C-alpha atoms as a PDB file:
ATOM      1  CA  MET A   1    -200.657-194.113 -94.445  1.00  0.00           C
ATOM      2  CA  ARG A   2    -200.948-191.619 -91.602  1.00  0.00           C
ATOM      3  CA  VAL A   3    -204.164-189.850 -92.566  1.00  0.00           C
ATOM      4  CA  LEU A   4    -206.189-192.395 -94.570  1.00  0.00           C
ATOM      5  CA  ARG A   5    -204.746-195.359 -92.665  1.00  0.00           C
ATOM      6  CA  LEU A   6    -204.229-197.331 -95.876  1.00  0.00           C
ATOM      7  CA  ARG A   7    -202.540-200.699 -95.588  1.00  0.00           C
ATOM      8  CA  ARG A   8    -200.931-203.185 -97.945  1.00  0.00           C
ATOM      9  CA  GLY A   9    -203.328-204.166-100.745  1.00  0.00           C
ATOM     10  CA  ALA A  10    -205.483-201.023-100.436  1.00  0.00           C
ATOM     11  CA  ALA A  11    -206.718-199.644-103.754  1.00  0.00           C
ATOM     12  CA  LEU A  12    -205.925-196.105-104.858  1.00  0.00           C
ATOM     13  CA  THR A  13    -205.552-193.926-107.945  1.00  0.00           C
ATOM     14  CA  VAL A  14    -202.208-192.625-109.221  1.00  0.00           C
ATOM     15  CA  PHE A  15    -201.790-189.618-111.530  1.00  0.00           C
ATOM     16  CA  ASP A  16    -198.785-187.906-113.091  1.00  0.00           C
ATOM     17  CA  GLY A  17    -200.090-184.321-113.179  1.00  0.00           C
ATOM     18  CA  ARG A  18    -200.047-184.298-116.989  1.00  0.00           C
ATOM     19  CA  GLY A  19    -203.456-185.824-117.611  1.00  0.00           C
ATOM     20  CA  HIS A  20    -202.818-189.552-117.045  1.00  0.00           C
ATOM     21  CA  GLU A  21    -204.252-191.821-114.339  1.00  0.00           C
ATOM     22  CA  TRP A  22    -203.803-195.452-113.299  1.00  0.00           C
ATOM     23  CA  THR A  23    -205.292-197.792-110.779  1.00  0.00           C
ATOM     24  CA  GLY A  24    -202.920-198.921-108.079  1.00  0.00           C
ATOM     25  CA  THR A  25    -202.530-200.849-104.859  1.00  0.00           C
ATOM     26  CA  VAL A  26    -200.342-200.245-101.852  1.00  0.00           C
ATOM     27  CA  GLY A  27    -197.436-202.678-101.964  1.00  0.00           C
ATOM     28  CA  THR A  28    -195.167-201.940 -99.046  1.00  0.00           C
ATOM     29  CA  ALA A  29    -194.962-199.015 -96.645  1.00  0.00           C
ATOM     30  CA  GLY A  30    -192.318-197.901 -94.196  1.00  0.00           C
ATOM     31  CA  ARG A  31    -190.656-194.865 -92.709  1.00  0.00           C
ATOM     32  CA  SER A  32    -188.846-194.143 -95.966  1.00  0.00           C
ATOM     33  CA  GLY A  33    -191.990-194.128 -98.108  1.00  0.00           C
ATOM     34  CA  VAL A  34    -194.675-196.166 -99.825  1.00  0.00           C
ATOM     35  CA  VAL A  35    -194.335-198.470-102.835  1.00  0.00           C
ATOM     36  CA  VAL A  36    -197.399-198.543-105.086  1.00  0.00           C
ATOM     37  CA  GLN A  37    -197.998-201.260-107.654  1.00  0.00           C
ATOM     38  CA  LEU A  38    -199.473-199.727-110.793  1.00  0.00           C
ATOM     39  CA  GLY A  39    -202.449-201.328-112.491  1.00  0.00           C
ATOM     40  CA  ALA A  40    -204.393-200.437-115.626  1.00  0.00           C
ATOM     41  CA  ALA A  41    -204.551-196.988-117.190  1.00  0.00           C
ATOM     42  CA  MET A  42    -207.754-195.062-116.480  1.00  0.00           C
ATOM     43  CA  ALA A  43    -209.632-192.414-118.432  1.00  0.00           C
ATOM     44  CA  PRO A  44    -209.350-189.249-116.306  1.00  0.00           C
ATOM     45  CA  VAL A  45    -212.122-186.711-115.896  1.00  0.00           C
ATOM     46  CA  PRO A  46    -211.979-184.568-119.078  1.00  0.00           C
ATOM     47  CA  GLU A  47    -210.371-181.154-118.917  1.00  0.00           C
ATOM     48  CA  PRO A  48    -212.500-178.083-119.761  1.00  0.00           C
ATOM     49  CA  PRO A  49    -213.069-177.250-123.450  1.00  0.00           C
ATOM     50  CA  VAL A  50    -211.250-173.910-123.098  1.00  0.00           C
ATOM     51  CA  HIS A  51    -207.670-173.409-121.906  1.00  0.00           C
ATOM     52  CA  VAL A  52    -208.183-170.641-119.356  1.00  0.00           C
ATOM     53  CA  THR A  53    -205.304-168.645-117.918  1.00  0.00           C
ATOM     54  CA  LEU A  54    -206.248-166.693-114.797  1.00  0.00           C
ATOM     55  CA  GLY A  55    -204.307-163.473-114.237  1.00  0.00           C
ATOM     56  CA  VAL A  56    -205.055-162.300-110.708  1.00  0.00           C
ATOM     57  CA  GLY A  57    -203.811-159.402-108.614  1.00  0.00           C
ATOM     58  CA  LEU A  58    -201.775-160.449-105.605  1.00  0.00           C
ATOM     59  CA  GLN A  59    -203.879-160.951-102.485  1.00  0.00           C
ATOM     60  CA  LYS A  60    -202.991-160.257 -98.870  1.00  0.00           C
ATOM     61  CA  GLY A  61    -202.599-163.015 -96.281  1.00  0.00           C
ATOM     62  CA  ASP A  62    -203.980-166.375 -97.390  1.00  0.00           C
ATOM     63  CA  GLY A  63    -206.015-164.834-100.185  1.00  0.00           C
ATOM     64  CA  MET A  64    -203.788-166.147-102.983  1.00  0.00           C
ATOM     65  CA  GLU A  65    -203.989-169.690-101.628  1.00  0.00           C
ATOM     66  CA  THR A  66    -207.794-169.474-101.600  1.00  0.00           C
ATOM     67  CA  VAL A  67    -207.841-168.189-105.176  1.00  0.00           C
ATOM     68  CA  ILE A  68    -205.491-170.942-106.358  1.00  0.00           C
ATOM     69  CA  GLN A  69    -207.418-173.728-104.602  1.00  0.00           C
ATOM     70  CA  GLU A  70    -210.715-172.674-106.130  1.00  0.00           C
ATOM     71  CA  ALA A  71    -209.349-171.800-109.573  1.00  0.00           C
ATOM     72  CA  VAL A  72    -207.666-175.202-109.892  1.00  0.00           C
ATOM     73  CA  ALA A  73    -210.895-176.999-108.963  1.00  0.00           C
ATOM     74  CA  LEU A  74    -212.731-174.818-111.491  1.00  0.00           C
ATOM     75  CA  GLY A  75    -210.511-175.936-114.345  1.00  0.00           C
ATOM     76  CA  VAL A  76    -207.948-173.248-115.096  1.00  0.00           C
ATOM     77  CA  SER A  77    -204.896-174.266-117.114  1.00  0.00           C
ATOM     78  CA  ALA A  78    -202.539-171.683-115.609  1.00  0.00           C
ATOM     79  CA  ILE A  79    -202.481-169.004-112.925  1.00  0.00           C
ATOM     80  CA  VAL A  80    -200.470-165.808-113.242  1.00  0.00           C
ATOM     81  CA  PRO A  81    -200.069-163.693-110.074  1.00  0.00           C
ATOM     82  CA  LEU A  82    -200.024-160.008-111.027  1.00  0.00           C
ATOM     83  CA  SER A  83    -198.169-157.158-109.359  1.00  0.00           C
ATOM     84  CA  THR A  84    -200.459-154.240-110.181  1.00  0.00           C
ATOM     85  CA  THR A  85    -200.644-150.612-109.084  1.00  0.00           C
ATOM     86  CA  TYR A  86    -203.139-151.119-106.260  1.00  0.00           C
ATOM     87  CA  VAL A  87    -201.791-154.412-104.904  1.00  0.00           C
ATOM     88  CA  ALA A  88    -201.604-154.156-101.101  1.00  0.00           C
ATOM     89  CA  VAL A  89    -198.708-156.601-100.705  1.00  0.00           C
ATOM     90  CA  PRO A  90    -195.217-155.561 -99.503  1.00  0.00           C
ATOM     91  CA  ALA A  91    -192.690-155.163-102.326  1.00  0.00           C
ATOM     92  CA  ARG A  92    -190.351-157.806-100.850  1.00  0.00           C
ATOM     93  CA  ALA A  93    -193.155-160.390-100.995  1.00  0.00           C
ATOM     94  CA  ARG A  94    -193.866-159.731-104.670  1.00  0.00           C
ATOM     95  CA  ASP A  95    -190.671-161.440-105.802  1.00  0.00           C
ATOM     96  CA  SER A  96    -190.659-164.270-103.287  1.00  0.00           C
ATOM     97  CA  LYS A  97    -189.509-167.590-104.745  1.00  0.00           C
ATOM     98  CA  ALA A  98    -190.764-169.316-101.604  1.00  0.00           C
ATOM     99  CA  ALA A  99    -194.272-167.934-102.179  1.00  0.00           C
ATOM    100  CA  LEU A 100    -194.305-169.229-105.758  1.00  0.00           C
ATOM    101  CA  GLU A 101    -193.221-172.696-104.615  1.00  0.00           C
ATOM    102  CA  ARG A 102    -195.900-172.676-101.907  1.00  0.00           C
ATOM    103  CA  TRP A 103    -198.595-171.691-104.416  1.00  0.00           C
ATOM    104  CA  GLN A 104    -197.584-174.540-106.711  1.00  0.00           C
ATOM    105  CA  ARG A 105    -197.882-176.966-103.800  1.00  0.00           C
ATOM    106  CA  VAL A 106    -201.347-175.552-103.109  1.00  0.00           C
ATOM    107  CA  ALA A 107    -202.248-176.241-106.754  1.00  0.00           C
ATOM    108  CA  VAL A 108    -201.095-179.866-106.450  1.00  0.00           C
ATOM    109  CA  ALA A 109    -203.079-180.338-103.230  1.00  0.00           C
ATOM    110  CA  SER A 110    -206.202-178.902-104.880  1.00  0.00           C
ATOM    111  CA  VAL A 111    -205.798-181.276-107.833  1.00  0.00           C
ATOM    112  CA  LYS A 112    -205.631-184.232-105.462  1.00  0.00           C
ATOM    113  CA  GLN A 113    -208.697-183.062-103.559  1.00  0.00           C
ATOM    114  CA  CYS A 114    -210.906-182.534-106.620  1.00  0.00           C
ATOM    115  CA  GLY A 115    -209.775-185.604-108.562  1.00  0.00           C
ATOM    116  CA  ARG A 116    -208.192-183.768-111.475  1.00  0.00           C
ATOM    117  CA  ALA A 117    -205.340-185.432-113.380  1.00  0.00           C
ATOM    118  CA  THR A 118    -203.663-182.276-114.714  1.00  0.00           C
ATOM    119  CA  VAL A 119    -201.808-179.843-112.463  1.00  0.00           C
ATOM    120  CA  PRO A 120    -202.074-176.215-113.643  1.00  0.00           C
ATOM    121  CA  VAL A 121    -198.855-174.227-113.564  1.00  0.00           C
ATOM    122  CA  VAL A 122    -198.485-171.200-111.298  1.00  0.00           C
ATOM    123  CA  ARG A 123    -196.311-168.811-113.270  1.00  0.00           C
ATOM    124  CA  PRO A 124    -193.888-166.244-111.840  1.00  0.00           C
ATOM    125  CA  ILE A 125    -195.299-162.921-110.674  1.00  0.00           C
ATOM    126  CA  THR A 126    -195.514-160.407-113.498  1.00  0.00           C
ATOM    127  CA  THR A 127    -197.168-157.111-114.467  1.00  0.00           C
ATOM    128  CA  ILE A 128    -200.264-156.425-116.540  1.00  0.00           C
ATOM    129  CA  ASP A 129    -198.006-155.836-119.548  1.00  0.00           C
ATOM    130  CA  GLY A 130    -196.222-159.108-118.883  1.00  0.00           C
ATOM    131  CA  VAL A 131    -199.436-161.137-119.022  1.00  0.00           C
ATOM    132  CA  LEU A 132    -200.798-159.303-122.078  1.00  0.00           C
ATOM    133  CA  THR A 133    -197.616-159.517-124.183  1.00  0.00           C
ATOM    134  CA  PRO A 134    -197.188-161.600-126.215  1.00  0.00           C
ATOM    135  CA  ARG A 135    -200.863-162.342-126.738  1.00  0.00           C
ATOM    136  CA  VAL A 136    -201.416-166.083-126.443  1.00  0.00           C
ATOM    137  CA  ALA A 137    -205.194-166.205-125.876  1.00  0.00           C
ATOM    138  CA  GLU A 138    -207.987-165.954-128.383  1.00  0.00           C
ATOM    139  CA  ARG A 139    -210.150-164.073-125.873  1.00  0.00           C
ATOM    140  CA  ILE A 140    -209.183-161.607-123.124  1.00  0.00           C
ATOM    141  CA  LEU A 141    -211.715-160.752-120.430  1.00  0.00           C
ATOM    142  CA  MET A 142    -211.055-158.198-117.689  1.00  0.00           C
ATOM    143  CA  CYS A 143    -213.365-158.149-114.680  1.00  0.00           C
ATOM    144  CA  VAL A 144    -214.027-154.556-113.597  1.00  0.00           C
ATOM    145  CA  GLU A 145    -216.486-152.483-111.599  1.00  0.00           C
ATOM    146  CA  PRO A 146    -219.947-152.152-113.206  1.00  0.00           C
ATOM    147  CA  ARG A 147    -219.406-148.507-114.171  1.00  0.00           C
ATOM    148  CA  ARG A 148    -216.354-149.468-116.226  1.00  0.00           C
ATOM    149  CA  ALA A 149    -217.730-152.553-117.935  1.00  0.00           C
ATOM    150  CA  ALA A 150    -218.753-152.796-121.568  1.00  0.00           C
ATOM    151  CA  SER A 151    -221.259-155.520-120.706  1.00  0.00           C
ATOM    152  CA  PRO A 152    -222.355-157.712-117.777  1.00  0.00           C
ATOM    153  CA  GLY A 153    -221.179-161.225-118.557  1.00  0.00           C
ATOM    154  CA  GLY A 154    -220.629-160.591-122.272  1.00  0.00           C
ATOM    155  CA  PHE A 155    -218.264-163.498-122.782  1.00  0.00           C
ATOM    156  CA  GLY A 156    -218.868-163.986-126.509  1.00  0.00           C
ATOM    157  CA  PRO A 157    -218.661-167.303-128.401  1.00  0.00           C
ATOM    158  CA  ARG A 158    -216.594-170.068-126.841  1.00  0.00           C
ATOM    159  CA  PRO A 159    -212.888-169.713-127.752  1.00  0.00           C
ATOM    160  CA  SER A 160    -210.160-172.347-127.611  1.00  0.00           C
ATOM    161  CA  ALA A 161    -208.096-170.311-125.157  1.00  0.00           C
ATOM    162  CA  ALA A 162    -208.869-167.351-122.923  1.00  0.00           C
ATOM    163  CA  LEU A 163    -207.057-165.021-120.564  1.00  0.00           C
ATOM    164  CA  VAL A 164    -209.260-163.770-117.714  1.00  0.00           C
ATOM    165  CA  LEU A 165    -208.067-160.936-115.500  1.00  0.00           C
ATOM    166  CA  VAL A 166    -209.211-160.160-111.958  1.00  0.00           C
ATOM    167  CA  GLY A 167    -207.749-157.244-110.055  1.00  0.00           C
ATOM    168  CA  PRO A 168    -206.507-156.967-106.465  1.00  0.00           C
ATOM    169  CA  GLU A 169    -208.471-155.570-103.529  1.00  0.00           C
ATOM    170  CA  GLY A 170    -207.862-152.028-104.747  1.00  0.00           C
ATOM    171  CA  GLY A 171    -209.054-152.750-108.274  1.00  0.00           C
ATOM    172  CA  TRP A 172    -207.556-151.673-111.601  1.00  0.00           C
ATOM    173  CA  THR A 173    -206.247-148.252-112.585  1.00  0.00           C
ATOM    174  CA  ASP A 174    -207.611-146.516-115.674  1.00  0.00           C
ATOM    175  CA  GLU A 175    -204.266-147.122-117.364  1.00  0.00           C
ATOM    176  CA  GLU A 176    -204.393-150.870-116.686  1.00  0.00           C
ATOM    177  CA  VAL A 177    -207.923-151.078-118.089  1.00  0.00           C
ATOM    178  CA  ALA A 178    -206.785-149.123-121.157  1.00  0.00           C
ATOM    179  CA  ARG A 179    -203.834-151.485-121.687  1.00  0.00           C
ATOM    180  CA  ALA A 180    -206.108-154.509-121.645  1.00  0.00           C
ATOM    181  CA  ALA A 181    -208.477-152.824-124.090  1.00  0.00           C
ATOM    182  CA  ALA A 182    -205.571-151.983-126.392  1.00  0.00           C
ATOM    183  CA  SER A 183    -204.682-155.688-126.453  1.00  0.00           C
ATOM    184  CA  GLY A 184    -208.208-156.615-127.522  1.00  0.00           C
ATOM    185  CA  GLY A 185    -209.566-157.226-124.036  1.00  0.00           C
ATOM    186  CA  ARG A 186    -213.245-156.961-123.202  1.00  0.00           C
ATOM    187  CA  THR A 187    -214.335-155.447-119.889  1.00  0.00           C
ATOM    188  CA  ILE A 188    -217.083-157.298-118.032  1.00  0.00           C
ATOM    189  CA  HIS A 189    -218.669-157.191-114.593  1.00  0.00           C
ATOM    190  CA  LEU A 190    -220.329-159.727-112.317  1.00  0.00           C
ATOM    191  CA  GLY A 191    -223.327-157.761-111.145  1.00  0.00           C
ATOM    192  CA  PRO A 192    -224.047-154.805-108.875  1.00  0.00           C
ATOM    193  CA  ARG A 193    -222.549-156.173-105.652  1.00  0.00           C
ATOM    194  CA  THR A 194    -218.967-155.587-104.603  1.00  0.00           C
ATOM    195  CA  LEU A 195    -217.255-158.993-104.293  1.00  0.00           C
ATOM    196  CA  ARG A 196    -214.175-159.743-102.237  1.00  0.00           C
ATOM    197  CA  ALA A 197    -211.028-159.965-104.313  1.00  0.00           C
ATOM    198  CA  ASP A 198    -210.518-163.613-103.350  1.00  0.00           C
ATOM    199  CA  LEU A 199    -214.139-164.494-104.233  1.00  0.00           C
ATOM    200  CA  ALA A 200    -214.370-162.788-107.624  1.00  0.00           C
ATOM    201  CA  PRO A 201    -212.205-165.322-109.552  1.00  0.00           C
ATOM    202  CA  ALA A 202    -214.420-168.263-108.520  1.00  0.00           C
ATOM    203  CA  VAL A 203    -217.587-166.360-109.447  1.00  0.00           C
ATOM    204  CA  LEU A 204    -216.102-165.330-112.799  1.00  0.00           C
ATOM    205  CA  LEU A 205    -214.971-168.864-113.656  1.00  0.00           C
ATOM    206  CA  SER A 206    -218.381-170.274-112.726  1.00  0.00           C
ATOM    207  CA  ALA A 207    -220.042-167.714-114.983  1.00  0.00           C
ATOM    208  CA  ILE A 208    -217.640-168.518-117.809  1.00  0.00           C
ATOM    209  CA  TRP A 209    -218.404-172.251-117.733  1.00  0.00           C
ATOM    210  CA  THR A 210    -222.116-171.499-117.586  1.00  0.00           C
ATOM    211  CA  ALA A 211    -221.735-169.420-120.750  1.00  0.00           C
ATOM    212  CA  TRP A 212    -219.260-171.630-122.612  1.00  0.00           C
ATOM    213  CA  GLY A 213    -220.363-175.013-121.362  1.00  0.00           C
ATOM    214  CA  TRP A 214    -218.438-177.605-119.378  1.00  0.00           C
ATOM    215  CA  THR A 215    -220.088-180.802-118.205  1.00  0.00           C
END
């Protein structure tokens, strides 16, 4: 009402965050809120063919919000913030309930902006071991520096579910790479250039959908 200046009778779309959409019209509006009259159910834009969980090292400043905004628009099913060895975030901020709630709000806002009907969950901050155990994905891909990678963009055949891992600004330790490999993870890289930590997830997800198909 304040931003779009909608009035009574204006058409809009309503979604529940779980993959369902309806047409709707503004009924009444006041200081206490807006009443929307629901119409017919709609077929939402299809979700991607692979359930992708993004495990990403904690970013400084607004970096996590950028990652979440872009990852949601690029179709991830879940986002797992990771507290890794080289994360440059104060310890007190790594367990912040307020940060987790803010990130989930960012995910909802991104869903609204891109017209998606399903809201991905932002899970609590965990470690590399926490995201690898128990194994819930058919495919695990860890984005690393070129010198560490088994192959550039070797994503393999399209799975039903995948866990993709992107490190923080400081990258992964040898031990973290070894842990992913021990869990069946494949190391990949995105080319010879050094990408910002908040840019790498979007580039990786774009490459994944190019390889596995999503139209």
